[in-house]
Protein backbone atom coordinates (compact mmCIF):
# COMPACT_ATOMS: atom_id res chain seq x y z
CA MET A 1 6.22 288.76 116.18
CA VAL A 2 3.24 286.58 116.80
CA GLU A 3 0.86 289.70 116.92
CA SER A 4 2.31 291.19 113.75
CA LEU A 5 2.20 288.02 111.73
CA ALA A 6 -1.33 287.41 112.91
CA ALA A 7 -2.34 290.88 111.63
CA TRP A 8 -0.61 289.99 108.31
CA SER A 9 -2.57 286.75 108.00
CA ALA A 10 -5.84 288.51 108.89
CA GLY A 11 -5.22 291.20 106.29
CA ASP A 12 -5.33 293.97 108.86
CA PHE A 13 -2.65 296.18 107.27
CA GLN A 14 -3.38 299.29 109.20
CA ARG A 15 -2.65 297.28 112.47
CA LEU A 16 0.25 295.63 110.88
CA GLY A 17 1.73 299.00 110.08
CA THR A 18 1.91 299.95 113.74
CA PHE A 19 4.63 297.22 114.17
CA PHE A 20 6.90 298.72 111.55
CA ALA A 21 9.24 301.58 111.73
CA GLU A 22 8.79 304.26 108.99
CA GLU A 23 12.25 303.41 107.43
CA THR A 24 11.79 299.61 107.54
CA ARG A 25 13.23 297.46 104.74
CA GLY A 26 13.29 293.75 103.85
CA TYR A 27 12.97 290.96 101.43
CA MET A 28 9.92 288.73 100.79
CA LEU A 29 9.85 285.16 99.61
CA GLY A 30 13.59 285.20 98.84
CA GLY A 31 13.35 286.65 95.34
CA SER A 32 12.14 290.09 95.84
CA MET A 33 14.09 293.42 95.35
CA LEU A 34 14.68 295.29 98.60
CA ILE A 35 11.44 296.66 99.86
CA THR A 36 11.58 299.91 101.67
CA GLY A 37 8.95 301.64 103.82
CA PHE A 38 5.59 300.13 104.83
CA ASN A 39 2.68 300.65 102.32
CA PRO A 40 -0.65 299.31 103.64
CA GLU A 41 -2.22 300.39 100.38
CA ALA A 42 0.22 298.38 98.31
CA LEU A 43 -0.48 295.42 100.36
CA GLN A 44 -4.21 295.74 100.13
CA ALA A 45 -3.83 296.06 96.34
CA ALA A 46 -1.78 292.76 96.33
CA VAL A 47 -4.46 291.07 98.36
CA SER A 48 -7.18 292.33 95.96
CA ALA A 49 -5.09 290.69 93.20
CA GLY A 50 -5.15 287.34 94.97
CA PHE A 51 -2.14 287.53 97.36
CA SER A 52 -2.81 285.94 100.76
CA PHE A 53 -0.96 284.52 103.79
CA GLN A 54 -2.02 281.92 106.25
CA ILE A 55 1.09 281.54 108.35
CA GLU A 56 2.05 280.84 111.87
CA PRO A 57 5.51 281.25 113.47
CA ASN A 58 7.30 278.37 115.26
CA GLU A 59 10.69 277.99 116.97
CA ILE A 60 10.85 281.73 117.71
CA ASP A 61 14.26 282.74 119.18
CA ILE A 62 15.15 286.27 120.18
CA LEU A 63 18.46 287.76 120.83
CA MET A 64 18.62 291.09 122.79
CA VAL A 65 21.35 293.55 121.78
CA GLY A 66 21.34 295.95 124.58
CA GLU A 67 18.11 297.14 125.85
CA ALA A 68 16.53 298.66 122.63
CA VAL A 69 17.49 296.16 119.79
CA ALA A 70 15.90 292.66 119.41
CA VAL A 71 16.91 290.26 116.62
CA ALA A 72 14.41 287.52 116.15
CA VAL A 73 14.30 284.40 113.95
CA ALA A 74 11.49 281.78 113.45
CA MET A 75 10.29 278.98 111.26
CA ILE A 76 7.07 279.90 109.60
CA GLU A 77 4.39 277.19 108.66
CA GLY A 78 1.35 277.66 106.43
CA THR A 79 0.59 278.74 102.93
CA VAL A 80 1.13 281.75 100.65
CA THR A 81 -1.21 282.26 97.71
CA LEU A 82 0.26 284.49 94.89
CA PRO A 83 -1.81 286.42 92.39
CA GLY A 84 -2.85 284.01 89.72
CA GLY A 85 -3.61 281.35 92.30
CA GLU A 86 -0.28 279.60 92.72
CA VAL A 87 -0.08 278.26 96.32
CA GLN A 88 3.28 277.89 98.10
CA ASP A 89 3.58 275.77 101.14
CA GLY A 90 6.03 276.39 104.09
CA PRO A 91 8.22 275.96 105.81
CA TRP A 92 9.91 279.40 105.53
CA GLN A 93 12.59 281.17 107.41
CA TYR A 94 11.82 284.56 108.88
CA SER A 95 13.94 286.98 110.68
CA GLU A 96 13.42 290.54 111.80
CA THR A 97 15.26 293.20 113.77
CA ARG A 98 13.20 295.47 116.02
CA VAL A 99 14.09 298.65 117.83
CA LEU A 100 12.36 300.17 120.90
CA GLU A 101 10.75 303.38 119.67
CA GLU A 102 8.49 305.47 121.93
CA GLY A 103 7.65 302.49 124.10
CA ARG A 104 6.82 300.16 121.02
CA TRP A 105 9.03 297.47 119.40
CA ARG A 106 9.04 298.29 115.60
CA VAL A 107 10.49 296.23 112.78
CA VAL A 108 13.35 298.02 110.96
CA GLN A 109 14.52 295.00 108.90
CA TYR A 110 13.02 291.65 107.97
CA HIS A 111 13.65 288.69 105.65
CA PHE A 112 11.07 285.99 104.66
CA SER A 113 12.31 283.21 102.37
CA PRO A 114 11.71 279.57 101.56
CA LEU A 115 13.66 277.07 103.57
CA ALA A 116 16.50 275.64 101.52
CA GLU A 117 16.14 272.04 100.57
CA GLY A 118 18.52 269.58 102.37
């Protein structure tokens, strides 16, 4: 998780893609429609439009389900800048499910959303 989120913050989307399964799916920032697949070109286009992340995970907790499934949760600190310049500050909640494929842990599902007030 730490390595993949570091690649995200660095804008290294080709490397980031190595952490995701082909059929990955998830939600970003709590208000998105379901995102399916991993598209580094779409991420790069979003960055070119002003989208950026400077994030770091904390309080990582991992639950192993058998030997080939890991469910992880974390609190994320940092900032997200949206196209247009709006800056959103953490903390956020993040969760992901990874499966062991060909010797690598790959994300198959994720959720990144603001922490609810209160």
